[in-house]
Amino acid sequence: MAPIPTPSAEPDDNPDAYVGLAAGRAEDLARERGWSTVRALPPGAIITMEYRMGRLNFEVKDGVVARAWKG
């Protein structure tokens, strides 16, 4: 049987640093800092609650990041 892959470490980055940035700029910056997946969501979006290593979520309101969290 093949070994279970070890997920790569998440970037040493604070999601709160993205709040207040324009959504496009925040996404570019997150990818530059090593996030493998960046997801922009409208306020109140219904999403699944599974945690995914390397993913950064943005709640975007009027083109600006209002909230950011890992997973």
PDB file of N, CA and C in Angstrom:
ATOM      1  N   MET A   1       0.844  -1.169   0.000  1.00  0.00           N
ATOM      2  CA  MET A   1       0.000   0.000   0.000  1.00  0.00           C
ATOM      3  C   MET A   1       0.897   1.242   0.000  1.00  0.00           C
ATOM      4  N   ALA A   2       0.486   2.249  -0.727  1.00  0.00           N
ATOM      5  CA  ALA A   2       1.258   3.494  -0.827  1.00  0.00           C
ATOM      6  C   ALA A   2       1.170   4.278   0.477  1.00  0.00           C
ATOM      7  N   PRO A   3       2.236   4.997   0.807  1.00  0.00           N
ATOM      8  CA  PRO A   3       2.192   5.798   2.041  1.00  0.00           C
ATOM      9  C   PRO A   3       1.214   6.960   1.907  1.00  0.00           C
ATOM     10  N   ILE A   4       0.691   7.378   3.028  1.00  0.00           N
ATOM     11  CA  ILE A   4      -0.214   8.528   3.050  1.00  0.00           C
ATOM     12  C   ILE A   4       0.635   9.782   2.892  1.00  0.00           C
ATOM     13  N   PRO A   5       0.310  10.642   1.928  1.00  0.00           N
ATOM     14  CA  PRO A   5       1.126  11.847   1.727  1.00  0.00           C
ATOM     15  C   PRO A   5       1.011  12.800   2.911  1.00  0.00           C
ATOM     16  N   THR A   6       2.093  13.449   3.202  1.00  0.00           N
ATOM     17  CA  THR A   6       2.114  14.459   4.257  1.00  0.00           C
ATOM     18  C   THR A   6       1.788  15.808   3.628  1.00  0.00           C
ATOM     19  N   PRO A   7       0.751  16.478   4.142  1.00  0.00           N
ATOM     20  CA  PRO A   7       0.411  17.782   3.555  1.00  0.00           C
ATOM     21  C   PRO A   7       1.537  18.788   3.804  1.00  0.00           C
ATOM     22  N   SER A   8       1.712  19.679   2.849  1.00  0.00           N
ATOM     23  CA  SER A   8       2.730  20.705   3.022  1.00  0.00           C
ATOM     24  C   SER A   8       2.284  21.687   4.094  1.00  0.00           C
ATOM     25  N   ALA A   9       3.258  22.305   4.720  1.00  0.00           N
ATOM     26  CA  ALA A   9       2.950  23.262   5.780  1.00  0.00           C
ATOM     27  C   ALA A   9       2.274  24.501   5.204  1.00  0.00           C
ATOM     28  N   GLU A  10       1.413  25.096   5.993  1.00  0.00           N
ATOM     29  CA  GLU A  10       0.780  26.339   5.570  1.00  0.00           C
ATOM     30  C   GLU A  10       1.776  27.482   5.710  1.00  0.00           C
ATOM     31  N   PRO A  11       1.612  28.507   4.913  1.00  0.00           N
ATOM     32  CA  PRO A  11       2.486  29.671   5.059  1.00  0.00           C
ATOM     33  C   PRO A  11       2.369  30.281   6.458  1.00  0.00           C
ATOM     34  N   ASP A  12       3.454  30.825   6.947  1.00  0.00           N
ATOM     35  CA  ASP A  12       3.436  31.532   8.219  1.00  0.00           C
ATOM     36  C   ASP A  12       2.904  32.933   7.931  1.00  0.00           C
ATOM     37  N   ASP A  13       1.588  33.054   7.949  1.00  0.00           N
ATOM     38  CA  ASP A  13       0.917  34.255   7.479  1.00  0.00           C
ATOM     39  C   ASP A  13      -0.315  34.490   8.340  1.00  0.00           C
ATOM     40  N   ASN A  14      -0.621  35.728   8.617  1.00  0.00           N
ATOM     41  CA  ASN A  14      -1.779  36.085   9.419  1.00  0.00           C
ATOM     42  C   ASN A  14      -2.936  36.486   8.500  1.00  0.00           C
ATOM     43  N   PRO A  15      -4.033  35.725   8.501  1.00  0.00           N
ATOM     44  CA  PRO A  15      -5.166  36.070   7.638  1.00  0.00           C
ATOM     45  C   PRO A  15      -5.711  37.474   7.862  1.00  0.00           C
ATOM     46  N   ASP A  16      -5.606  37.986   9.079  1.00  0.00           N
ATOM     47  CA  ASP A  16      -6.119  39.333   9.357  1.00  0.00           C
ATOM     48  C   ASP A  16      -5.403  40.408   8.550  1.00  0.00           C
ATOM     49  N   ALA A  17      -4.204  40.113   8.066  1.00  0.00           N
ATOM     50  CA  ALA A  17      -3.442  41.096   7.285  1.00  0.00           C
ATOM     51  C   ALA A  17      -4.103  41.406   5.941  1.00  0.00           C
ATOM     52  N   TYR A  18      -5.037  40.562   5.498  1.00  0.00           N
ATOM     53  CA  TYR A  18      -5.703  40.754   4.209  1.00  0.00           C
ATOM     54  C   TYR A  18      -6.969  41.603   4.304  1.00  0.00           C
ATOM     55  N   VAL A  19      -7.497  41.748   5.511  1.00  0.00           N
ATOM     56  CA  VAL A  19      -8.732  42.510   5.704  1.00  0.00           C
ATOM     57  C   VAL A  19      -8.492  43.968   5.320  1.00  0.00           C
ATOM     58  N   GLY A  20      -9.391  44.490   4.481  1.00  0.00           N
ATOM     59  CA  GLY A  20      -9.295  45.866   4.021  1.00  0.00           C
ATOM     60  C   GLY A  20      -8.626  46.020   2.666  1.00  0.00           C
ATOM     61  N   LEU A  21      -8.008  44.943   2.166  1.00  0.00           N
ATOM     62  CA  LEU A  21      -7.372  45.003   0.849  1.00  0.00           C
ATOM     63  C   LEU A  21      -8.393  44.751  -0.249  1.00  0.00           C
ATOM     64  N   ALA A  22      -8.131  45.284  -1.433  1.00  0.00           N
ATOM     65  CA  ALA A  22      -8.956  44.956  -2.601  1.00  0.00           C
ATOM     66  C   ALA A  22      -8.835  43.456  -2.845  1.00  0.00           C
ATOM     67  N   ALA A  23      -9.927  42.815  -3.234  1.00  0.00           N
ATOM     68  CA  ALA A  23      -9.956  41.359  -3.373  1.00  0.00           C
ATOM     69  C   ALA A  23      -8.875  40.837  -4.312  1.00  0.00           C
ATOM     70  N   GLY A  24      -8.703  41.464  -5.466  1.00  0.00           N
ATOM     71  CA  GLY A  24      -7.692  41.007  -6.424  1.00  0.00           C
ATOM     72  C   GLY A  24      -6.284  41.101  -5.874  1.00  0.00           C
ATOM     73  N   ARG A  25      -5.993  42.205  -5.207  1.00  0.00           N
ATOM     74  CA  ARG A  25      -4.671  42.385  -4.605  1.00  0.00           C
ATOM     75  C   ARG A  25      -4.444  41.367  -3.488  1.00  0.00           C
ATOM     76  N   ALA A  26      -5.461  41.117  -2.681  1.00  0.00           N
ATOM     77  CA  ALA A  26      -5.347  40.147  -1.591  1.00  0.00           C
ATOM     78  C   ALA A  26      -5.072  38.751  -2.139  1.00  0.00           C
ATOM     79  N   GLU A  27      -5.766  38.372  -3.210  1.00  0.00           N
ATOM     80  CA  GLU A  27      -5.554  37.047  -3.799  1.00  0.00           C
ATOM     81  C   GLU A  27      -4.140  36.921  -4.357  1.00  0.00           C
ATOM     82  N   ASP A  28      -3.674  37.933  -5.064  1.00  0.00           N
ATOM     83  CA  ASP A  28      -2.301  37.899  -5.606  1.00  0.00           C
ATOM     84  C   ASP A  28      -1.276  37.784  -4.480  1.00  0.00           C
ATOM     85  N   LEU A  29      -1.465  38.551  -3.429  1.00  0.00           N
ATOM     86  CA  LEU A  29      -0.542  38.542  -2.302  1.00  0.00           C
ATOM     87  C   LEU A  29      -0.541  37.189  -1.598  1.00  0.00           C
ATOM     88  N   ALA A  30      -1.717  36.609  -1.425  1.00  0.00           N
ATOM     89  CA  ALA A  30      -1.825  35.299  -0.775  1.00  0.00           C
ATOM     90  C   ALA A  30      -1.083  34.230  -1.580  1.00  0.00           C
ATOM     91  N   ARG A  31      -1.219  34.256  -2.885  1.00  0.00           N
ATOM     92  CA  ARG A  31      -0.504  33.273  -3.724  1.00  0.00           C
ATOM     93  C   ARG A  31       1.001  33.500  -3.667  1.00  0.00           C
ATOM     94  N   GLU A  32       1.435  34.771  -3.647  1.00  0.00           N
ATOM     95  CA  GLU A  32       2.861  35.075  -3.523  1.00  0.00           C
ATOM     96  C   GLU A  32       3.414  34.553  -2.209  1.00  0.00           C
ATOM     97  N   ARG A  33       2.605  34.569  -1.174  1.00  0.00           N
ATOM     98  CA  ARG A  33       3.039  34.118   0.155  1.00  0.00           C
ATOM     99  C   ARG A  33       2.940  32.614   0.339  1.00  0.00           C
ATOM    100  N   GLY A  34       2.460  31.906  -0.693  1.00  0.00           N
ATOM    101  CA  GLY A  34       2.495  30.446  -0.645  1.00  0.00           C
ATOM    102  C   GLY A  34       1.198  29.713  -0.418  1.00  0.00           C
ATOM    103  N   TRP A  35       0.073  30.402  -0.396  1.00  0.00           N
ATOM    104  CA  TRP A  35      -1.209  29.702  -0.251  1.00  0.00           C
ATOM    105  C   TRP A  35      -1.508  28.966  -1.550  1.00  0.00           C
ATOM    106  N   SER A  36      -1.806  27.675  -1.459  1.00  0.00           N
ATOM    107  CA  SER A  36      -2.057  26.882  -2.664  1.00  0.00           C
ATOM    108  C   SER A  36      -3.461  27.107  -3.217  1.00  0.00           C
ATOM    109  N   THR A  37      -4.408  27.433  -2.338  1.00  0.00           N
ATOM    110  CA  THR A  37      -5.782  27.689  -2.760  1.00  0.00           C
ATOM    111  C   THR A  37      -6.263  28.965  -2.089  1.00  0.00           C
ATOM    112  N   VAL A  38      -6.836  29.854  -2.873  1.00  0.00           N
ATOM    113  CA  VAL A  38      -7.412  31.091  -2.348  1.00  0.00           C
ATOM    114  C   VAL A  38      -8.855  31.146  -2.840  1.00  0.00           C
ATOM    115  N   ARG A  39      -9.773  31.340  -1.906  1.00  0.00           N
ATOM    116  CA  ARG A  39     -11.196  31.296  -2.251  1.00  0.00           C
ATOM    117  C   ARG A  39     -11.872  32.588  -1.801  1.00  0.00           C
ATOM    118  N   ALA A  40     -12.484  33.302  -2.732  1.00  0.00           N
ATOM    119  CA  ALA A  40     -13.234  34.530  -2.434  1.00  0.00           C
ATOM    120  C   ALA A  40     -14.718  34.196  -2.405  1.00  0.00           C
ATOM    121  N   LEU A  41     -15.376  34.614  -1.337  1.00  0.00           N
ATOM    122  CA  LEU A  41     -16.792  34.292  -1.140  1.00  0.00           C
ATOM    123  C   LEU A  41     -17.588  35.555  -0.831  1.00  0.00           C
ATOM    124  N   PRO A  42     -18.832  35.610  -1.284  1.00  0.00           N
ATOM    125  CA  PRO A  42     -19.675  36.747  -0.917  1.00  0.00           C
ATOM    126  C   PRO A  42     -20.141  36.587   0.532  1.00  0.00           C
ATOM    127  N   PRO A  43     -20.545  37.683   1.180  1.00  0.00           N
ATOM    128  CA  PRO A  43     -21.054  37.586   2.552  1.00  0.00           C
ATOM    129  C   PRO A  43     -22.231  36.615   2.630  1.00  0.00           C
ATOM    130  N   GLY A  44     -22.214  35.781   3.656  1.00  0.00           N
ATOM    131  CA  GLY A  44     -23.317  34.846   3.875  1.00  0.00           C
ATOM    132  C   GLY A  44     -23.322  33.625   2.971  1.00  0.00           C
ATOM    133  N   ALA A  45     -22.250  33.404   2.208  1.00  0.00           N
ATOM    134  CA  ALA A  45     -22.201  32.235   1.316  1.00  0.00           C
ATOM    135  C   ALA A  45     -22.294  30.944   2.126  1.00  0.00           C
ATOM    136  N   ILE A  46     -22.980  29.977   1.586  1.00  0.00           N
ATOM    137  CA  ILE A  46     -23.083  28.672   2.222  1.00  0.00           C
ATOM    138  C   ILE A  46     -21.906  27.840   1.732  1.00  0.00           C
ATOM    139  N   ILE A  47     -21.073  27.394   2.671  1.00  0.00           N
ATOM    140  CA  ILE A  47     -19.882  26.619   2.315  1.00  0.00           C
ATOM    141  C   ILE A  47     -19.800  25.386   3.205  1.00  0.00           C
ATOM    142  N   THR A  48     -19.040  24.401   2.760  1.00  0.00           N
ATOM    143  CA  THR A  48     -18.798  23.231   3.591  1.00  0.00           C
ATOM    144  C   THR A  48     -17.797  23.607   4.674  1.00  0.00           C
ATOM    145  N   MET A  49     -17.771  22.868   5.748  1.00  0.00           N
ATOM    146  CA  MET A  49     -16.940  23.215   6.899  1.00  0.00           C
ATOM    147  C   MET A  49     -15.656  22.388   7.002  1.00  0.00           C
ATOM    148  N   GLU A  50     -15.321  21.617   5.969  1.00  0.00           N
ATOM    149  CA  GLU A  50     -14.091  20.825   6.051  1.00  0.00           C
ATOM    150  C   GLU A  50     -12.876  21.742   6.039  1.00  0.00           C
ATOM    151  N   TYR A  51     -11.849  21.316   6.768  1.00  0.00           N
ATOM    152  CA  TYR A  51     -10.621  22.102   6.825  1.00  0.00           C
ATOM    153  C   TYR A  51      -9.686  21.599   5.740  1.00  0.00           C
ATOM    154  N   ARG A  52      -9.164  22.495   4.941  1.00  0.00           N
ATOM    155  CA  ARG A  52      -8.256  22.110   3.870  1.00  0.00           C
ATOM    156  C   ARG A  52      -6.934  22.857   4.070  1.00  0.00           C
ATOM    157  N   MET A  53      -5.867  22.111   4.314  1.00  0.00           N
ATOM    158  CA  MET A  53      -4.540  22.703   4.493  1.00  0.00           C
ATOM    159  C   MET A  53      -4.179  23.516   3.257  1.00  0.00           C
ATOM    160  N   GLY A  54      -3.584  24.665   3.481  1.00  0.00           N
ATOM    161  CA  GLY A  54      -3.108  25.481   2.372  1.00  0.00           C
ATOM    162  C   GLY A  54      -4.155  26.350   1.709  1.00  0.00           C
ATOM    163  N   ARG A  55      -5.386  26.361   2.264  1.00  0.00           N
ATOM    164  CA  ARG A  55      -6.440  27.184   1.672  1.00  0.00           C
ATOM    165  C   ARG A  55      -6.678  28.422   2.530  1.00  0.00           C
ATOM    166  N   LEU A  56      -6.820  29.562   1.865  1.00  0.00           N
ATOM    167  CA  LEU A  56      -7.151  30.813   2.525  1.00  0.00           C
ATOM    168  C   LEU A  56      -8.477  31.296   1.951  1.00  0.00           C
ATOM    169  N   ASN A  57      -9.413  31.595   2.824  1.00  0.00           N
ATOM    170  CA  ASN A  57     -10.747  32.036   2.433  1.00  0.00           C
ATOM    171  C   ASN A  57     -10.893  33.532   2.674  1.00  0.00           C
ATOM    172  N   PHE A  58     -11.538  34.201   1.750  1.00  0.00           N
ATOM    173  CA  PHE A  58     -11.845  35.621   1.893  1.00  0.00           C
ATOM    174  C   PHE A  58     -13.344  35.811   1.784  1.00  0.00           C
ATOM    175  N   GLU A  59     -13.910  36.587   2.694  1.00  0.00           N
ATOM    176  CA  GLU A  59     -15.279  37.067   2.513  1.00  0.00           C
ATOM    177  C   GLU A  59     -15.135  38.452   1.901  1.00  0.00           C
ATOM    178  N   VAL A  60     -15.677  38.617   0.705  1.00  0.00           N
ATOM    179  CA  VAL A  60     -15.492  39.860  -0.055  1.00  0.00           C
ATOM    180  C   VAL A  60     -16.811  40.616  -0.142  1.00  0.00           C
ATOM    181  N   LYS A  61     -16.766  41.871   0.302  1.00  0.00           N
ATOM    182  CA  LYS A  61     -17.944  42.741   0.248  1.00  0.00           C
ATOM    183  C   LYS A  61     -17.545  44.011  -0.492  1.00  0.00           C
ATOM    184  N   ASP A  62     -18.266  44.318  -1.553  1.00  0.00           N
ATOM    185  CA  ASP A  62     -17.998  45.507  -2.375  1.00  0.00           C
ATOM    186  C   ASP A  62     -16.558  45.549  -2.867  1.00  0.00           C
ATOM    187  N   GLY A  63     -16.013  44.377  -3.218  1.00  0.00           N
ATOM    188  CA  GLY A  63     -14.675  44.297  -3.791  1.00  0.00           C
ATOM    189  C   GLY A  63     -13.529  44.362  -2.794  1.00  0.00           C
ATOM    190  N   VAL A  64     -13.865  44.370  -1.497  1.00  0.00           N
ATOM    191  CA  VAL A  64     -12.844  44.483  -0.450  1.00  0.00           C
ATOM    192  C   VAL A  64     -12.963  43.292   0.504  1.00  0.00           C
ATOM    193  N   VAL A  65     -11.834  42.779   0.972  1.00  0.00           N
ATOM    194  CA  VAL A  65     -11.829  41.657   1.912  1.00  0.00           C
ATOM    195  C   VAL A  65     -12.344  42.163   3.269  1.00  0.00           C
ATOM    196  N   ALA A  66     -13.461  41.577   3.713  1.00  0.00           N
ATOM    197  CA  ALA A  66     -14.061  41.950   4.994  1.00  0.00           C
ATOM    198  C   ALA A  66     -13.646  40.993   6.102  1.00  0.00           C
ATOM    199  N   ARG A  67     -13.259  39.768   5.712  1.00  0.00           N
ATOM    200  CA  ARG A  67     -12.893  38.734   6.668  1.00  0.00           C
ATOM    201  C   ARG A  67     -11.996  37.746   5.944  1.00  0.00           C
ATOM    202  N   ALA A  68     -11.035  37.153   6.665  1.00  0.00           N
ATOM    203  CA  ALA A  68     -10.169  36.140   6.072  1.00  0.00           C
ATOM    204  C   ALA A  68      -9.890  35.060   7.111  1.00  0.00           C
ATOM    205  N   TRP A  69      -9.859  33.781   6.652  1.00  0.00           N
ATOM    206  CA  TRP A  69      -9.582  32.685   7.578  1.00  0.00           C
ATOM    207  C   TRP A  69      -8.955  31.517   6.826  1.00  0.00           C
ATOM    208  N   LYS A  70      -8.235  30.704   7.582  1.00  0.00           N
ATOM    209  CA  LYS A  70      -7.562  29.525   7.015  1.00  0.00           C
ATOM    210  C   LYS A  70      -8.555  28.385   6.866  1.00  0.00           C
ATOM    211  N   GLY A  71      -8.242  27.492   5.940  1.00  0.00           N
ATOM    212  CA  GLY A  71      -8.980  26.256   5.811  1.00  0.00           C
ATOM    213  C   GLY A  71      -9.940  26.218   4.713  1.00  0.00           C
TER     214      GLY A  71
END
